[in-house]
C-alpha atoms as a PDB file:
ATOM      1  CA  MET A   1      21.931  -4.583  10.454  1.00  0.00           C
ATOM      2  CA  LYS A   2      19.278  -5.810   8.006  1.00  0.00           C
ATOM      3  CA  GLU A   3      20.401  -9.416   8.510  1.00  0.00           C
ATOM      4  CA  GLU A   4      20.114  -9.035  12.305  1.00  0.00           C
ATOM      5  CA  THR A   5      16.592  -7.589  11.958  1.00  0.00           C
ATOM      6  CA  ASN A   6      15.521 -10.446   9.664  1.00  0.00           C
ATOM      7  CA  HIS A   7      17.026 -12.979  12.070  1.00  0.00           C
ATOM      8  CA  GLN A   8      15.125 -11.409  14.970  1.00  0.00           C
ATOM      9  CA  LYS A   9      11.833 -11.522  13.017  1.00  0.00           C
ATOM     10  CA  GLU A  10      12.385 -15.185  12.118  1.00  0.00           C
ATOM     11  CA  SER A  11      13.162 -15.983  15.759  1.00  0.00           C
ATOM     12  CA  GLU A  12       9.987 -14.248  16.956  1.00  0.00           C
ATOM     13  CA  GLN A  13       7.904 -16.071  14.335  1.00  0.00           C
ATOM     14  CA  LEU A  14       9.341 -19.435  15.394  1.00  0.00           C
ATOM     15  CA  ASP A  15       8.606 -18.662  19.055  1.00  0.00           C
ATOM     16  CA  PHE A  16       4.939 -17.994  18.249  1.00  0.00           C
ATOM     17  CA  LEU A  17       4.795 -21.109  16.082  1.00  0.00           C
ATOM     18  CA  CYS A  18       6.338 -23.272  18.796  1.00  0.00           C
ATOM     19  CA  GLU A  19       3.912 -21.935  21.389  1.00  0.00           C
ATOM     20  CA  THR A  20       0.912 -22.701  19.189  1.00  0.00           C
ATOM     21  CA  THR A  21       2.205 -26.167  18.368  1.00  0.00           C
ATOM     22  CA  LYS A  22       2.546 -26.971  22.057  1.00  0.00           C
ATOM     23  CA  GLU A  23      -0.988 -25.742  22.776  1.00  0.00           C
ATOM     24  CA  ILE A  24      -2.463 -27.891  20.009  1.00  0.00           C
ATOM     25  CA  ALA A  25      -0.393 -30.918  20.944  1.00  0.00           C
ATOM     26  CA  ASN A  26      -1.351 -30.621  24.618  1.00  0.00           C
ATOM     27  CA  GLU A  27      -5.016 -30.731  23.633  1.00  0.00           C
ATOM     28  CA  LYS A  28      -4.371 -33.797  21.488  1.00  0.00           C
ATOM     29  CA  GLU A  29      -2.345 -35.509  24.254  1.00  0.00           C
ATOM     30  CA  LYS A  30      -5.426 -35.770  26.454  1.00  0.00           C
ATOM     31  CA  ASP A  31      -6.627 -38.529  24.139  1.00  0.00           C
ATOM     32  CA  LEU A  32      -3.234 -40.072  23.442  1.00  0.00           C
ATOM     33  CA  GLY A  33      -1.961 -41.028  26.914  1.00  0.00           C
ATOM     34  CA  VAL A  34       1.600 -40.662  28.192  1.00  0.00           C
ATOM     35  CA  LYS A  35       4.366 -40.676  25.584  1.00  0.00           C
ATOM     36  CA  SER A  36       8.093 -40.004  25.515  1.00  0.00           C
ATOM     37  CA  SER A  37       9.386 -36.465  24.923  1.00  0.00           C
ATOM     38  CA  TYR A  38      10.734 -37.523  21.520  1.00  0.00           C
ATOM     39  CA  GLU A  39       7.405 -39.009  20.455  1.00  0.00           C
ATOM     40  CA  LEU A  40       5.512 -35.911  21.574  1.00  0.00           C
ATOM     41  CA  ASN A  41       7.868 -33.573  19.720  1.00  0.00           C
ATOM     42  CA  GLU A  42       7.504 -35.664  16.559  1.00  0.00           C
ATOM     43  CA  GLU A  43       3.747 -35.631  16.951  1.00  0.00           C
ATOM     44  CA  ARG A  44       3.665 -31.858  17.404  1.00  0.00           C
ATOM     45  CA  VAL A  45       5.526 -31.398  14.144  1.00  0.00           C
ATOM     46  CA  GLU A  46       3.156 -33.780  12.363  1.00  0.00           C
ATOM     47  CA  ILE A  47       0.088 -32.067  13.829  1.00  0.00           C
ATOM     48  CA  LEU A  48       1.338 -28.675  12.695  1.00  0.00           C
ATOM     49  CA  SER A  49       2.539 -29.600   9.221  1.00  0.00           C
ATOM     50  CA  LYS A  50      -0.244 -31.940   8.138  1.00  0.00           C
ATOM     51  CA  GLU A  51      -3.392 -30.814   9.934  1.00  0.00           C
ATOM     52  CA  TYR A  52      -3.118 -27.134  10.688  1.00  0.00           C
ATOM     53  CA  PHE A  53      -0.469 -25.119   8.938  1.00  0.00           C
ATOM     54  CA  PRO A  54      -1.179 -23.566   5.505  1.00  0.00           C
ATOM     55  CA  GLU A  55       2.013 -22.868   3.583  1.00  0.00           C
ATOM     56  CA  ASN A  56       0.494 -20.872   0.698  1.00  0.00           C
ATOM     57  CA  ILE A  57      -2.705 -18.872   1.031  1.00  0.00           C
ATOM     58  CA  LEU A  58      -4.694 -17.208  -1.740  1.00  0.00           C
ATOM     59  CA  ILE A  59      -5.948 -13.816  -0.616  1.00  0.00           C
ATOM     60  CA  LEU A  60      -9.089 -13.131  -2.617  1.00  0.00           C
ATOM     61  CA  ASP A  61     -11.639 -10.360  -3.092  1.00  0.00           C
ATOM     62  CA  THR A  62     -14.543  -9.697  -5.438  1.00  0.00           C
ATOM     63  CA  GLU A  63     -16.458  -6.672  -6.660  1.00  0.00           C
ATOM     64  CA  THR A  64     -20.060  -7.183  -7.697  1.00  0.00           C
ATOM     65  CA  THR A  65     -22.984  -5.338  -9.246  1.00  0.00           C
ATOM     66  CA  GLY A  66     -25.114  -6.000  -6.160  1.00  0.00           C
ATOM     67  CA  LEU A  67     -25.558  -8.227  -3.126  1.00  0.00           C
ATOM     68  CA  ASP A  68     -27.726 -11.005  -4.588  1.00  0.00           C
ATOM     69  CA  ASN A  69     -25.733 -13.680  -6.403  1.00  0.00           C
ATOM     70  CA  GLN A  70     -28.894 -14.943  -8.094  1.00  0.00           C
ATOM     71  CA  ASN A  71     -29.778 -11.624  -9.713  1.00  0.00           C
ATOM     72  CA  ASP A  72     -26.494  -9.684  -9.695  1.00  0.00           C
ATOM     73  CA  ASP A  73     -23.065 -10.474 -11.127  1.00  0.00           C
ATOM     74  CA  CYS A  74     -19.455 -10.619 -10.033  1.00  0.00           C
ATOM     75  CA  ILE A  75     -17.700  -7.855 -11.961  1.00  0.00           C
ATOM     76  CA  GLU A  76     -14.095  -8.199 -10.754  1.00  0.00           C
ATOM     77  CA  VAL A  77     -11.835 -10.740  -9.045  1.00  0.00           C
ATOM     78  CA  GLY A  78      -8.548  -9.912  -7.365  1.00  0.00           C
ATOM     79  CA  SER A  79      -6.154 -12.408  -5.806  1.00  0.00           C
ATOM     80  CA  ILE A  80      -2.680 -12.631  -4.287  1.00  0.00           C
ATOM     81  CA  LEU A  81      -0.768 -15.864  -3.720  1.00  0.00           C
ATOM     82  CA  PHE A  82       1.016 -15.375  -0.396  1.00  0.00           C
ATOM     83  CA  ASN A  83       3.667 -17.585   1.197  1.00  0.00           C
ATOM     84  CA  VAL A  84       3.169 -17.590   4.948  1.00  0.00           C
ATOM     85  CA  ARG A  85       6.609 -18.733   6.094  1.00  0.00           C
ATOM     86  CA  SER A  86       8.540 -16.130   4.093  1.00  0.00           C
ATOM     87  CA  ARG A  87       5.825 -13.446   4.341  1.00  0.00           C
ATOM     88  CA  SER A  88       6.140 -12.994   0.591  1.00  0.00           C
ATOM     89  CA  VAL A  89       3.806 -12.256  -2.310  1.00  0.00           C
ATOM     90  CA  LEU A  90       4.388 -14.949  -4.933  1.00  0.00           C
ATOM     91  CA  ALA A  91       1.868 -13.811  -7.552  1.00  0.00           C
ATOM     92  CA  GLN A  92      -1.038 -11.440  -7.976  1.00  0.00           C
ATOM     93  CA  GLN A  93      -3.846 -11.015 -10.457  1.00  0.00           C
ATOM     94  CA  SER A  94      -7.053  -9.137 -11.157  1.00  0.00           C
ATOM     95  CA  PHE A  95      -9.527  -9.302 -14.017  1.00  0.00           C
ATOM     96  CA  LEU A  96     -12.925  -7.930 -14.988  1.00  0.00           C
ATOM     97  CA  LEU A  97     -15.986  -9.907 -16.026  1.00  0.00           C
ATOM     98  CA  PRO A  98     -18.275  -8.374 -18.681  1.00  0.00           C
ATOM     99  CA  VAL A  99     -21.650  -7.006 -17.534  1.00  0.00           C
ATOM    100  CA  GLU A 100     -24.333  -4.884 -19.157  1.00  0.00           C
ATOM    101  CA  ILE A 101     -25.043  -2.750 -16.098  1.00  0.00           C
ATOM    102  CA  ASN A 102     -23.340  -2.101 -12.762  1.00  0.00           C
ATOM    103  CA  ASN A 103     -25.756  -0.912 -10.112  1.00  0.00           C
ATOM    104  CA  ALA A 104     -22.885  -0.637  -7.623  1.00  0.00           C
ATOM    105  CA  GLU A 105     -20.735   1.687  -9.765  1.00  0.00           C
ATOM    106  CA  LYS A 106     -20.912   4.458  -7.154  1.00  0.00           C
ATOM    107  CA  ILE A 107     -19.293   2.045  -4.682  1.00  0.00           C
ATOM    108  CA  ASN A 108     -16.673   0.218  -6.747  1.00  0.00           C
ATOM    109  CA  ASN A 109     -16.107   2.845  -9.475  1.00  0.00           C
ATOM    110  CA  ILE A 110     -16.200   0.274 -12.287  1.00  0.00           C
ATOM    111  CA  PRO A 111     -18.234   1.496 -15.286  1.00  0.00           C
ATOM    112  CA  ALA A 112     -20.023  -1.379 -16.997  1.00  0.00           C
ATOM    113  CA  GLU A 113     -18.705  -0.336 -20.417  1.00  0.00           C
ATOM    114  CA  ILE A 114     -15.051  -0.920 -19.511  1.00  0.00           C
ATOM    115  CA  THR A 115     -15.819  -4.503 -18.506  1.00  0.00           C
ATOM    116  CA  ARG A 116     -16.776  -5.179 -22.121  1.00  0.00           C
ATOM    117  CA  LEU A 117     -13.490  -3.968 -23.588  1.00  0.00           C
ATOM    118  CA  PRO A 118     -11.325  -6.727 -25.111  1.00  0.00           C
ATOM    119  CA  GLN A 119      -9.228  -8.657 -22.604  1.00  0.00           C
ATOM    120  CA  PRO A 120      -7.885 -12.240 -22.349  1.00  0.00           C
ATOM    121  CA  LEU A 121     -10.638 -13.377 -19.994  1.00  0.00           C
ATOM    122  CA  SER A 122     -10.413 -17.120 -20.645  1.00  0.00           C
ATOM    123  CA  GLU A 123      -6.643 -17.038 -20.038  1.00  0.00           C
ATOM    124  CA  ALA A 124      -7.178 -14.972 -16.880  1.00  0.00           C
ATOM    125  CA  ILE A 125      -9.629 -17.518 -15.489  1.00  0.00           C
ATOM    126  CA  LYS A 126      -7.235 -20.382 -16.268  1.00  0.00           C
ATOM    127  CA  TYR A 127      -4.441 -18.563 -14.445  1.00  0.00           C
ATOM    128  CA  PHE A 128      -6.771 -17.895 -11.504  1.00  0.00           C
ATOM    129  CA  GLU A 129      -7.580 -21.619 -11.347  1.00  0.00           C
ATOM    130  CA  SER A 130      -3.852 -22.377 -11.220  1.00  0.00           C
ATOM    131  CA  LEU A 131      -3.442 -19.995  -8.258  1.00  0.00           C
ATOM    132  CA  VAL A 132      -6.304 -21.710  -6.450  1.00  0.00           C
ATOM    133  CA  ARG A 133      -4.769 -25.098  -7.197  1.00  0.00           C
ATOM    134  CA  VAL A 134      -1.397 -24.315  -5.574  1.00  0.00           C
ATOM    135  CA  SER A 135      -2.917 -22.655  -2.510  1.00  0.00           C
ATOM    136  CA  ASP A 136      -3.698 -24.486   0.729  1.00  0.00           C
ATOM    137  CA  VAL A 137      -6.385 -22.099   1.981  1.00  0.00           C
ATOM    138  CA  ILE A 138      -8.433 -19.211   0.586  1.00  0.00           C
ATOM    139  CA  VAL A 139      -8.508 -16.036   2.695  1.00  0.00           C
ATOM    140  CA  ALA A 140     -11.092 -13.303   2.168  1.00  0.00           C
ATOM    141  CA  HIS A 141     -12.478 -10.431   4.205  1.00  0.00           C
ATOM    142  CA  ASN A 142     -16.162 -11.307   4.641  1.00  0.00           C
ATOM    143  CA  ALA A 143     -15.578 -14.682   2.989  1.00  0.00           C
ATOM    144  CA  GLU A 144     -19.240 -15.638   3.249  1.00  0.00           C
ATOM    145  CA  PHE A 145     -20.016 -12.964   0.658  1.00  0.00           C
ATOM    146  CA  ASP A 146     -17.111 -13.675  -1.695  1.00  0.00           C
ATOM    147  CA  MET A 147     -17.434 -17.457  -1.840  1.00  0.00           C
ATOM    148  CA  LYS A 148     -21.043 -17.415  -3.070  1.00  0.00           C
ATOM    149  CA  TRP A 149     -20.061 -16.011  -6.505  1.00  0.00           C
ATOM    150  CA  PHE A 150     -17.799 -18.901  -7.479  1.00  0.00           C
ATOM    151  CA  GLY A 151     -19.311 -21.664  -9.552  1.00  0.00           C
ATOM    152  CA  LEU A 152     -21.653 -19.147 -11.192  1.00  0.00           C
ATOM    153  CA  ASN A 153     -21.445 -17.679 -14.695  1.00  0.00           C
ATOM    154  CA  LYS A 154     -17.813 -17.783 -15.870  1.00  0.00           C
ATOM    155  CA  LEU A 155     -16.218 -18.234 -12.441  1.00  0.00           C
ATOM    156  CA  PRO A 156     -15.029 -21.736 -11.474  1.00  0.00           C
ATOM    157  CA  PRO A 157     -16.083 -23.351  -8.186  1.00  0.00           C
ATOM    158  CA  ILE A 158     -13.503 -23.290  -5.384  1.00  0.00           C
ATOM    159  CA  LYS A 159     -13.196 -26.513  -3.398  1.00  0.00           C
ATOM    160  CA  LYS A 160     -10.741 -25.311  -0.785  1.00  0.00           C
ATOM    161  CA  GLN A 161     -11.185 -24.332   2.841  1.00  0.00           C
ATOM    162  CA  TRP A 162     -11.848 -20.642   3.422  1.00  0.00           C
ATOM    163  CA  ILE A 163     -10.699 -18.353   6.229  1.00  0.00           C
ATOM    164  CA  CYS A 164     -12.570 -15.118   6.853  1.00  0.00           C
ATOM    165  CA  SER A 165     -10.153 -12.426   8.034  1.00  0.00           C
ATOM    166  CA  MET A 166     -13.100 -10.541   9.505  1.00  0.00           C
ATOM    167  CA  ASP A 167     -14.836 -13.349  11.426  1.00  0.00           C
ATOM    168  CA  ASP A 168     -12.418 -16.287  11.787  1.00  0.00           C
ATOM    169  CA  ILE A 169      -9.228 -14.476  12.823  1.00  0.00           C
ATOM    170  CA  THR A 170      -9.030 -13.102  16.357  1.00  0.00           C
ATOM    171  CA  TRP A 171      -6.644 -10.189  15.904  1.00  0.00           C
ATOM    172  CA  PRO A 172      -4.245  -9.322  18.756  1.00  0.00           C
ATOM    173  CA  ALA A 173      -5.753  -7.159  21.493  1.00  0.00           C
ATOM    174  CA  ASP A 174      -2.904  -4.644  21.319  1.00  0.00           C
ATOM    175  CA  ARG A 175      -4.129  -3.597  17.847  1.00  0.00           C
ATOM    176  CA  GLN A 176      -7.296  -2.258  19.526  1.00  0.00           C
ATOM    177  CA  LEU A 177      -9.576  -3.438  16.731  1.00  0.00           C
ATOM    178  CA  LYS A 178     -13.300  -3.859  17.138  1.00  0.00           C
ATOM    179  CA  MET A 179     -14.883  -7.220  16.431  1.00  0.00           C
ATOM    180  CA  ARG A 180     -15.349  -7.771  12.686  1.00  0.00           C
ATOM    181  CA  PRO A 181     -13.019  -4.927  11.607  1.00  0.00           C
ATOM    182  CA  SER A 182     -13.141  -3.444   8.124  1.00  0.00           C
ATOM    183  CA  VAL A 183     -10.194  -3.934   5.763  1.00  0.00           C
ATOM    184  CA  ARG A 184      -9.423  -0.236   6.145  1.00  0.00           C
ATOM    185  CA  ASP A 185      -9.329  -0.389   9.959  1.00  0.00           C
ATOM    186  CA  LEU A 186      -7.232  -3.545   9.846  1.00  0.00           C
ATOM    187  CA  ALA A 187      -4.717  -1.947   7.489  1.00  0.00           C
ATOM    188  CA  LEU A 188      -4.418   1.208   9.585  1.00  0.00           C
ATOM    189  CA  ALA A 189      -3.967  -0.837  12.764  1.00  0.00           C
ATOM    190  CA  TYR A 190      -0.880  -2.423  11.202  1.00  0.00           C
ATOM    191  CA  GLY A 191       0.508   0.818   9.792  1.00  0.00           C
ATOM    192  CA  VAL A 192      -0.485   0.108   6.178  1.00  0.00           C
ATOM    193  CA  PRO A 193      -1.273   3.296   4.214  1.00  0.00           C
ATOM    194  CA  VAL A 194      -4.822   3.356   2.812  1.00  0.00           C
ATOM    195  CA  TRP A 195      -4.960   5.061  -0.581  1.00  0.00           C
ATOM    196  CA  ASN A 196      -8.009   3.548  -2.273  1.00  0.00           C
ATOM    197  CA  ALA A 197     -10.959   1.306  -1.545  1.00  0.00           C
ATOM    198  CA  HIS A 198     -13.492  -0.962  -3.240  1.00  0.00           C
ATOM    199  CA  ARG A 199     -11.326  -2.426  -5.966  1.00  0.00           C
ATOM    200  CA  ALA A 200     -10.647  -6.122  -5.613  1.00  0.00           C
ATOM    201  CA  LEU A 201      -6.857  -6.204  -5.923  1.00  0.00           C
ATOM    202  CA  THR A 202      -6.435  -3.150  -3.698  1.00  0.00           C
ATOM    203  CA  ASP A 203      -8.167  -4.854  -0.783  1.00  0.00           C
ATOM    204  CA  CYS A 204      -6.039  -7.966  -1.368  1.00  0.00           C
ATOM    205  CA  ILE A 205      -2.897  -5.814  -1.189  1.00  0.00           C
ATOM    206  CA  TYR A 206      -4.026  -4.369   2.146  1.00  0.00           C
ATOM    207  CA  LEU A 207      -4.442  -7.865   3.591  1.00  0.00           C
ATOM    208  CA  ALA A 208      -1.094  -9.024   2.205  1.00  0.00           C
ATOM    209  CA  GLU A 209       0.630  -6.021   3.789  1.00  0.00           C
ATOM    210  CA  VAL A 210      -1.068  -6.765   7.108  1.00  0.00           C
ATOM    211  CA  PHE A 211       0.096 -10.389   6.931  1.00  0.00           C
ATOM    212  CA  LYS A 212       3.672  -9.254   6.213  1.00  0.00           C
ATOM    213  CA  ARG A 213       3.649  -7.228   9.427  1.00  0.00           C
ATOM    214  CA  CYS A 214       1.915  -9.870  11.556  1.00  0.00           C
ATOM    215  CA  ILE A 215       4.517 -11.749  13.632  1.00  0.00           C
ATOM    216  CA  GLU A 216       1.926 -14.178  15.005  1.00  0.00           C
ATOM    217  CA  LEU A 217       0.370 -14.948  11.593  1.00  0.00           C
ATOM    218  CA  GLU A 218       0.932 -18.724  11.814  1.00  0.00           C
ATOM    219  CA  LYS A 219      -0.805 -18.837  15.176  1.00  0.00           C
ATOM    220  CA  LEU A 220      -3.755 -16.776  13.938  1.00  0.00           C
ATOM    221  CA  LEU A 221      -4.231 -18.923  10.823  1.00  0.00           C
ATOM    222  CA  ILE A 222      -4.005 -22.191  12.751  1.00  0.00           C
ATOM    223  CA  ARG A 223      -6.675 -21.040  15.191  1.00  0.00           C
ATOM    224  CA  ALA A 224      -8.809 -19.647  12.366  1.00  0.00           C
ATOM    225  CA  LEU A 225      -8.916 -23.150  10.861  1.00  0.00           C
ATOM    226  CA  GLU A 226     -10.359 -24.722  14.009  1.00  0.00           C
ATOM    227  CA  PRO A 227     -13.841 -26.214  13.481  1.00  0.00           C
ATOM    228  CA  LYS A 228     -16.691 -23.753  14.038  1.00  0.00           C
ATOM    229  CA  ILE A 229     -20.039 -24.242  15.709  1.00  0.00           C
ATOM    230  CA  LEU A 230     -23.087 -21.988  15.543  1.00  0.00           C
ATOM    231  CA  VAL A 231     -24.067 -20.578  18.944  1.00  0.00           C
ATOM    232  CA  ARG A 232     -26.922 -18.382  20.112  1.00  0.00           C
ATOM    233  CA  ALA A 233     -26.395 -15.828  22.874  1.00  0.00           C
ATOM    234  CA  GLU A 234     -28.584 -16.390  25.945  1.00  0.00           C
ATOM    235  CA  ILE A 235     -28.939 -12.762  27.032  1.00  0.00           C
ATOM    236  CA  SER A 236     -31.642 -10.246  27.802  1.00  0.00           C
ATOM    237  CA  TYR A 237     -32.485  -7.230  25.661  1.00  0.00           C
ATOM    238  CA  GLU A 238     -30.652  -4.990  28.123  1.00  0.00           C
ATOM    239  CA  GLU A 239     -27.475  -7.085  27.681  1.00  0.00           C
ATOM    240  CA  ARG A 240     -27.519  -7.038  23.878  1.00  0.00           C
ATOM    241  CA  SER A 241     -24.374  -4.868  23.692  1.00  0.00           C
ATOM    242  CA  LEU A 242     -22.383  -7.789  25.136  1.00  0.00           C
ATOM    243  CA  ALA A 243     -23.314  -9.947  22.148  1.00  0.00           C
ATOM    244  CA  LYS A 244     -22.741  -7.172  19.622  1.00  0.00           C
ATOM    245  CA  ASN A 245     -19.297  -6.391  21.031  1.00  0.00           C
ATOM    246  CA  ALA A 246     -18.405 -10.099  20.840  1.00  0.00           C
ATOM    247  CA  GLY A 247     -19.137 -10.220  17.112  1.00  0.00           C
ATOM    248  CA  PHE A 248     -22.627 -11.741  17.315  1.00  0.00           C
ATOM    249  CA  ARG A 249     -25.184 -10.627  14.734  1.00  0.00           C
ATOM    250  CA  TRP A 250     -28.902 -10.114  15.269  1.00  0.00           C
ATOM    251  CA  ASN A 251     -31.431 -12.045  13.205  1.00  0.00           C
ATOM    252  CA  ASP A 252     -28.764 -13.517  10.915  1.00  0.00           C
ATOM    253  CA  ASP A 253     -28.140 -17.291  11.114  1.00  0.00           C
ATOM    254  CA  VAL A 254     -30.727 -17.618  13.876  1.00  0.00           C
ATOM    255  CA  LYS A 255     -33.894 -15.590  13.411  1.00  0.00           C
ATOM    256  CA  GLY A 256     -34.850 -13.411  16.351  1.00  0.00           C
ATOM    257  CA  ALA A 257     -31.582 -14.005  18.222  1.00  0.00           C
ATOM    258  CA  TRP A 258     -27.934 -12.959  18.445  1.00  0.00           C
ATOM    259  CA  SER A 259     -25.762 -15.657  16.888  1.00  0.00           C
ATOM    260  CA  ARG A 260     -22.252 -16.324  15.662  1.00  0.00           C
ATOM    261  CA  ARG A 261     -20.116 -19.150  14.236  1.00  0.00           C
ATOM    262  CA  MET A 262     -17.066 -19.656  16.437  1.00  0.00           C
ATOM    263  CA  SER A 263     -14.606 -22.243  17.763  1.00  0.00           C
ATOM    264  CA  ARG A 264     -15.170 -23.914  21.106  1.00  0.00           C
ATOM    265  CA  ARG A 265     -11.966 -22.256  22.315  1.00  0.00           C
ATOM    266  CA  ASP A 266     -13.422 -18.793  21.679  1.00  0.00           C
ATOM    267  CA  MET A 267     -16.811 -19.830  23.023  1.00  0.00           C
ATOM    268  CA  GLU A 268     -15.263 -20.618  26.424  1.00  0.00           C
ATOM    269  CA  LYS A 269     -13.904 -17.065  26.659  1.00  0.00           C
ATOM    270  CA  LEU A 270     -17.324 -15.407  26.366  1.00  0.00           C
ATOM    271  CA  GLU A 271     -18.659 -13.421  29.313  1.00  0.00           C
ATOM    272  CA  PHE A 272     -22.249 -14.592  28.803  1.00  0.00           C
ATOM    273  CA  PRO A 273     -23.951 -17.983  28.295  1.00  0.00           C
ATOM    274  CA  VAL A 274     -24.568 -19.393  24.805  1.00  0.00           C
ATOM    275  CA  HIS A 275     -26.425 -22.355  23.367  1.00  0.00           C
ATOM    276  CA  GLU A 276     -25.168 -24.453  20.473  1.00  0.00           C
ATOM    277  CA  VAL A 277     -27.485 -24.432  17.474  1.00  0.00           C
ATOM    278  CA  SER A 278     -27.541 -26.781  14.495  1.00  0.00           C
ATOM    279  CA  PHE A 279     -26.343 -25.171  11.230  1.00  0.00           C
ATOM    280  CA  HIS A 280     -29.432 -26.579   9.548  1.00  0.00           C
ATOM    281  CA  SER A 281     -32.022 -25.465  12.085  1.00  0.00           C
END
């Protein structure tokens, strides 16, 4: 019975993967002209394996003493090396970084004094670097916040592509999630029990459990890796709820406007007009 269930899951995963491959290849074929069926099938495999499909992902989360990476510190790092094809956790790790004061203790429940207790920090950082090295992509919930702490103090820089599970992944509509869901809401939507919050490894575990249950994970990751553009919503004040419900944020990347980074595919699905904006403007 277990073998039949596993076989069914693998079959469903392959169906989703095949569908996504065809969609991507069809878009590419517009620029490639007419080819034989064999050539197109070979090209689809190459497109998927070399350009789009991450085999190992490093799920990552941080806890910090505040929001400002220039004046506050990262106090904890948690990570899980996750193999997408097998839906398996390969390794996991968390470690504390020493601080004198933690102004966010009421949120993350990490007293500053325990961060200064003896631990093999240098070895932990070396192991973390090895996990980053063998991963294809870094995944974090609110990645924009997490990525800004690396390369500062004792943490090494990360020169890998990031996926934000809050902003870059469009979760299936049948999960009835709002745009930019919290880790807690995402876990509950996939039937993952929520027992604790605001510790780095715990949030990584929630995401890993969601990924284990996500049949269409390959498809979601491939689309999450599509290039993003910054767009500004062209709407009136009375229509502002349309932008908010579509994941746009007010006065964020574009001052005095609703804006969001998104793929051109997702942009075409919007129910209101948008204008592309330069990332540097």
